[in-house]
N, C-alpha and C. Protein backbone atom coordinates (compact mmCIF):
# COMPACT_ATOMS: atom_id res chain seq x y z
N ASP A 1 -39.15 -32.96 6.53
CA ASP A 1 -38.39 -33.95 7.31
C ASP A 1 -36.92 -33.80 7.00
N GLU A 2 -36.09 -33.64 8.04
CA GLU A 2 -34.67 -33.40 7.82
C GLU A 2 -33.89 -34.63 7.39
N THR A 3 -34.51 -35.84 7.45
CA THR A 3 -33.80 -37.05 7.03
C THR A 3 -34.11 -37.43 5.60
N SER A 4 -34.99 -36.70 4.93
CA SER A 4 -35.28 -36.99 3.53
C SER A 4 -34.24 -36.32 2.64
N ILE A 5 -34.20 -36.75 1.40
CA ILE A 5 -33.24 -36.17 0.44
C ILE A 5 -33.46 -34.67 0.28
N PRO A 6 -34.70 -34.19 0.09
CA PRO A 6 -34.87 -32.73 -0.01
C PRO A 6 -34.46 -32.00 1.26
N GLY A 7 -34.71 -32.58 2.42
CA GLY A 7 -34.31 -31.95 3.67
C GLY A 7 -32.80 -31.86 3.80
N ILE A 8 -32.12 -32.93 3.45
CA ILE A 8 -30.66 -32.95 3.49
C ILE A 8 -30.09 -31.98 2.47
N LEU A 9 -30.67 -31.94 1.28
CA LEU A 9 -30.22 -31.02 0.24
C LEU A 9 -30.40 -29.58 0.68
N GLY A 10 -31.55 -29.28 1.25
CA GLY A 10 -31.80 -27.92 1.73
C GLY A 10 -30.85 -27.51 2.83
N ALA A 11 -30.58 -28.42 3.76
CA ALA A 11 -29.65 -28.12 4.86
C ALA A 11 -28.23 -27.92 4.33
N ALA A 12 -27.83 -28.74 3.37
CA ALA A 12 -26.48 -28.61 2.81
C ALA A 12 -26.32 -27.29 2.07
N ILE A 13 -27.31 -26.92 1.27
CA ILE A 13 -27.23 -25.66 0.53
C ILE A 13 -27.20 -24.48 1.50
N THR A 14 -28.03 -24.52 2.52
CA THR A 14 -28.04 -23.45 3.51
C THR A 14 -26.69 -23.35 4.21
N PHE A 15 -26.12 -24.48 4.59
CA PHE A 15 -24.82 -24.49 5.26
C PHE A 15 -23.73 -23.90 4.37
N ILE A 16 -23.71 -24.29 3.10
CA ILE A 16 -22.71 -23.78 2.15
C ILE A 16 -22.85 -22.28 1.99
N PHE A 17 -24.09 -21.78 1.88
CA PHE A 17 -24.28 -20.35 1.73
C PHE A 17 -23.86 -19.58 2.98
N VAL A 18 -24.13 -20.11 4.14
CA VAL A 18 -23.72 -19.44 5.39
C VAL A 18 -22.20 -19.35 5.45
N ILE A 19 -21.51 -20.43 5.14
CA ILE A 19 -20.05 -20.42 5.14
C ILE A 19 -19.52 -19.42 4.12
N ALA A 20 -20.12 -19.39 2.92
CA ALA A 20 -19.67 -18.46 1.87
C ALA A 20 -19.88 -17.01 2.29
N VAL A 21 -20.99 -16.71 2.95
CA VAL A 21 -21.23 -15.34 3.42
C VAL A 21 -20.22 -14.96 4.50
N ILE A 22 -19.92 -15.87 5.40
CA ILE A 22 -18.92 -15.60 6.44
C ILE A 22 -17.56 -15.32 5.82
N ILE A 23 -17.18 -16.09 4.81
CA ILE A 23 -15.90 -15.87 4.13
C ILE A 23 -15.89 -14.51 3.42
N ALA A 24 -16.98 -14.17 2.74
CA ALA A 24 -17.05 -12.88 2.04
C ALA A 24 -16.99 -11.72 3.03
N LEU A 25 -17.65 -11.85 4.16
CA LEU A 25 -17.58 -10.79 5.17
C LEU A 25 -16.18 -10.68 5.76
N PHE A 26 -15.49 -11.82 5.91
CA PHE A 26 -14.11 -11.79 6.37
C PHE A 26 -13.24 -11.00 5.40
N TYR A 27 -13.41 -11.24 4.09
CA TYR A 27 -12.63 -10.50 3.10
C TYR A 27 -12.99 -9.02 3.09
N LEU A 28 -14.24 -8.71 3.35
CA LEU A 28 -14.64 -7.31 3.44
C LEU A 28 -13.92 -6.63 4.61
N LEU A 29 -13.89 -7.29 5.74
CA LEU A 29 -13.16 -6.75 6.89
C LEU A 29 -11.65 -6.68 6.65
N LEU A 30 -11.12 -7.68 5.95
CA LEU A 30 -9.70 -7.68 5.62
C LEU A 30 -9.36 -6.48 4.75
N GLY A 31 -10.20 -6.18 3.77
CA GLY A 31 -9.99 -5.01 2.92
C GLY A 31 -10.05 -3.72 3.71
N ALA A 32 -10.96 -3.65 4.67
CA ALA A 32 -11.07 -2.45 5.51
C ALA A 32 -9.82 -2.27 6.37
N VAL A 33 -9.32 -3.36 6.93
CA VAL A 33 -8.10 -3.29 7.75
C VAL A 33 -6.91 -2.90 6.89
N LYS A 34 -6.83 -3.46 5.67
CA LYS A 34 -5.75 -3.08 4.75
C LYS A 34 -5.80 -1.58 4.46
N TRP A 35 -7.01 -1.07 4.25
CA TRP A 35 -7.17 0.34 3.94
C TRP A 35 -6.73 1.21 5.12
N ILE A 36 -7.13 0.80 6.32
CA ILE A 36 -6.78 1.57 7.52
C ILE A 36 -5.26 1.61 7.71
N PHE A 37 -4.60 0.48 7.50
CA PHE A 37 -3.15 0.41 7.72
C PHE A 37 -2.33 0.72 6.48
N SER A 38 -2.95 1.24 5.43
CA SER A 38 -2.21 1.53 4.20
C SER A 38 -1.27 2.72 4.38
N GLY A 39 -1.59 3.61 5.29
CA GLY A 39 -0.73 4.75 5.55
C GLY A 39 -0.66 5.73 4.40
N GLY A 40 -1.69 5.75 3.57
CA GLY A 40 -1.72 6.69 2.45
C GLY A 40 -0.99 6.22 1.22
N ASP A 41 -0.38 5.04 1.26
CA ASP A 41 0.31 4.49 0.10
C ASP A 41 -0.72 4.15 -0.98
N LYS A 42 -0.54 4.73 -2.19
CA LYS A 42 -1.53 4.56 -3.24
C LYS A 42 -1.71 3.10 -3.64
N ALA A 43 -0.64 2.36 -3.72
CA ALA A 43 -0.72 0.95 -4.11
C ALA A 43 -1.47 0.14 -3.06
N ALA A 44 -1.20 0.42 -1.79
CA ALA A 44 -1.88 -0.31 -0.72
C ALA A 44 -3.36 0.04 -0.67
N VAL A 45 -3.69 1.31 -0.88
CA VAL A 45 -5.09 1.71 -0.89
C VAL A 45 -5.82 1.06 -2.06
N GLU A 46 -5.17 1.00 -3.22
CA GLU A 46 -5.79 0.37 -4.39
C GLU A 46 -6.00 -1.13 -4.15
N GLY A 47 -5.04 -1.78 -3.51
CA GLY A 47 -5.20 -3.20 -3.18
C GLY A 47 -6.35 -3.42 -2.21
N ALA A 48 -6.46 -2.55 -1.21
CA ALA A 48 -7.55 -2.66 -0.25
C ALA A 48 -8.89 -2.42 -0.93
N ARG A 49 -8.92 -1.42 -1.82
CA ARG A 49 -10.16 -1.12 -2.54
C ARG A 49 -10.58 -2.31 -3.42
N SER A 50 -9.62 -2.96 -4.05
CA SER A 50 -9.98 -4.11 -4.89
C SER A 50 -10.45 -5.28 -4.04
N THR A 51 -9.89 -5.45 -2.85
CA THR A 51 -10.36 -6.51 -1.95
C THR A 51 -11.79 -6.25 -1.51
N ILE A 52 -12.09 -5.02 -1.15
CA ILE A 52 -13.44 -4.66 -0.73
C ILE A 52 -14.43 -4.82 -1.88
N THR A 53 -14.03 -4.37 -3.07
CA THR A 53 -14.90 -4.49 -4.24
C THR A 53 -15.20 -5.96 -4.55
N ALA A 54 -14.17 -6.80 -4.50
CA ALA A 54 -14.37 -8.23 -4.77
C ALA A 54 -15.29 -8.86 -3.72
N ALA A 55 -15.15 -8.47 -2.47
CA ALA A 55 -16.00 -9.02 -1.41
C ALA A 55 -17.45 -8.61 -1.60
N VAL A 56 -17.68 -7.35 -1.95
CA VAL A 56 -19.05 -6.87 -2.17
C VAL A 56 -19.67 -7.57 -3.38
N ILE A 57 -18.91 -7.70 -4.46
CA ILE A 57 -19.42 -8.39 -5.65
C ILE A 57 -19.72 -9.85 -5.30
N GLY A 58 -18.85 -10.47 -4.51
CA GLY A 58 -19.09 -11.85 -4.08
C GLY A 58 -20.37 -11.98 -3.27
N LEU A 59 -20.62 -11.03 -2.36
CA LEU A 59 -21.85 -11.06 -1.57
C LEU A 59 -23.09 -10.89 -2.45
N VAL A 60 -23.01 -9.98 -3.41
CA VAL A 60 -24.14 -9.78 -4.31
C VAL A 60 -24.42 -11.04 -5.11
N ILE A 61 -23.37 -11.66 -5.64
CA ILE A 61 -23.54 -12.91 -6.40
C ILE A 61 -24.12 -14.00 -5.51
N LEU A 62 -23.63 -14.11 -4.27
CA LEU A 62 -24.16 -15.12 -3.35
C LEU A 62 -25.65 -14.93 -3.10
N PHE A 63 -26.06 -13.69 -2.86
CA PHE A 63 -27.47 -13.45 -2.60
C PHE A 63 -28.34 -13.69 -3.84
N LEU A 64 -27.81 -13.38 -5.02
CA LEU A 64 -28.56 -13.66 -6.25
C LEU A 64 -28.69 -15.17 -6.48
N VAL A 65 -27.62 -15.91 -6.25
CA VAL A 65 -27.67 -17.36 -6.39
C VAL A 65 -28.62 -17.96 -5.36
N PHE A 66 -28.58 -17.44 -4.13
CA PHE A 66 -29.49 -17.92 -3.09
C PHE A 66 -30.94 -17.66 -3.50
N LEU A 67 -31.21 -16.50 -4.07
CA LEU A 67 -32.55 -16.19 -4.54
C LEU A 67 -33.00 -17.16 -5.62
N VAL A 68 -32.13 -17.43 -6.59
CA VAL A 68 -32.47 -18.36 -7.67
C VAL A 68 -32.69 -19.76 -7.11
N PHE A 69 -31.80 -20.22 -6.22
CA PHE A 69 -31.97 -21.54 -5.61
C PHE A 69 -33.28 -21.62 -4.83
N THR A 70 -33.61 -20.57 -4.10
CA THR A 70 -34.84 -20.56 -3.32
C THR A 70 -36.05 -20.68 -4.23
N VAL A 71 -36.05 -19.94 -5.31
CA VAL A 71 -37.19 -20.00 -6.25
C VAL A 71 -37.29 -21.38 -6.89
N ILE A 72 -36.16 -21.92 -7.34
CA ILE A 72 -36.18 -23.24 -7.98
C ILE A 72 -36.60 -24.33 -7.00
N LEU A 73 -36.02 -24.30 -5.79
CA LEU A 73 -36.34 -25.34 -4.82
C LEU A 73 -37.77 -25.20 -4.29
N GLN A 74 -38.29 -23.98 -4.19
CA GLN A 74 -39.69 -23.80 -3.80
C GLN A 74 -40.61 -24.38 -4.88
N PHE A 75 -40.20 -24.26 -6.14
CA PHE A 75 -40.98 -24.84 -7.24
C PHE A 75 -41.09 -26.35 -7.08
N PHE A 76 -40.02 -26.98 -6.60
CA PHE A 76 -40.03 -28.42 -6.39
C PHE A 76 -40.49 -28.81 -4.99
N GLY A 77 -40.86 -27.84 -4.18
CA GLY A 77 -41.41 -28.13 -2.85
C GLY A 77 -40.37 -28.39 -1.78
N ILE A 78 -39.16 -27.88 -1.96
CA ILE A 78 -38.09 -28.06 -0.99
C ILE A 78 -37.88 -26.73 -0.28
N ASP A 79 -37.95 -26.74 1.05
CA ASP A 79 -37.79 -25.51 1.82
C ASP A 79 -36.39 -25.47 2.42
N ILE A 80 -35.52 -24.60 1.88
CA ILE A 80 -34.15 -24.53 2.40
C ILE A 80 -34.04 -23.54 3.54
N LEU A 81 -35.10 -22.80 3.81
CA LEU A 81 -35.04 -21.83 4.89
C LEU A 81 -35.42 -22.43 6.24
N ALA A 82 -35.96 -23.63 6.23
CA ALA A 82 -36.33 -24.30 7.48
C ALA A 82 -35.11 -25.04 8.00
N ILE A 83 -34.38 -24.42 8.87
CA ILE A 83 -33.17 -25.03 9.44
C ILE A 83 -33.56 -25.81 10.69
N VAL A 84 -33.29 -27.10 10.66
CA VAL A 84 -33.60 -27.95 11.79
C VAL A 84 -32.28 -28.46 12.37
N ILE A 85 -32.05 -28.15 13.63
CA ILE A 85 -30.82 -28.59 14.30
C ILE A 85 -31.10 -29.95 14.94
N PRO A 86 -30.34 -30.97 14.53
CA PRO A 86 -30.58 -32.31 15.09
C PRO A 86 -30.27 -32.35 16.59
N THR A 87 -31.05 -33.14 17.29
CA THR A 87 -30.83 -33.30 18.74
C THR A 87 -30.36 -34.71 19.04
N ILE A 88 -29.79 -34.87 20.19
CA ILE A 88 -29.28 -36.20 20.60
C ILE A 88 -30.39 -36.96 21.27
């Protein structure tokens, strides 16, 4: 039930993770654009590489945290993968 505390908690966690993944993907694309427009400048390429590396590490951490949350919440009987969109 989406109006119960576990349902609200699951929806909130799912929403936060979706936003975090979108932000990480944005930074990944930003690093790629920086790399493309670096023009061979070593400092610019290194900055782009560090942006891409940070975005990939962030995505890996997000997926690991999501996995841990899923296991813990499944243990307590909360399903965060069931996304219910409220209707009017």
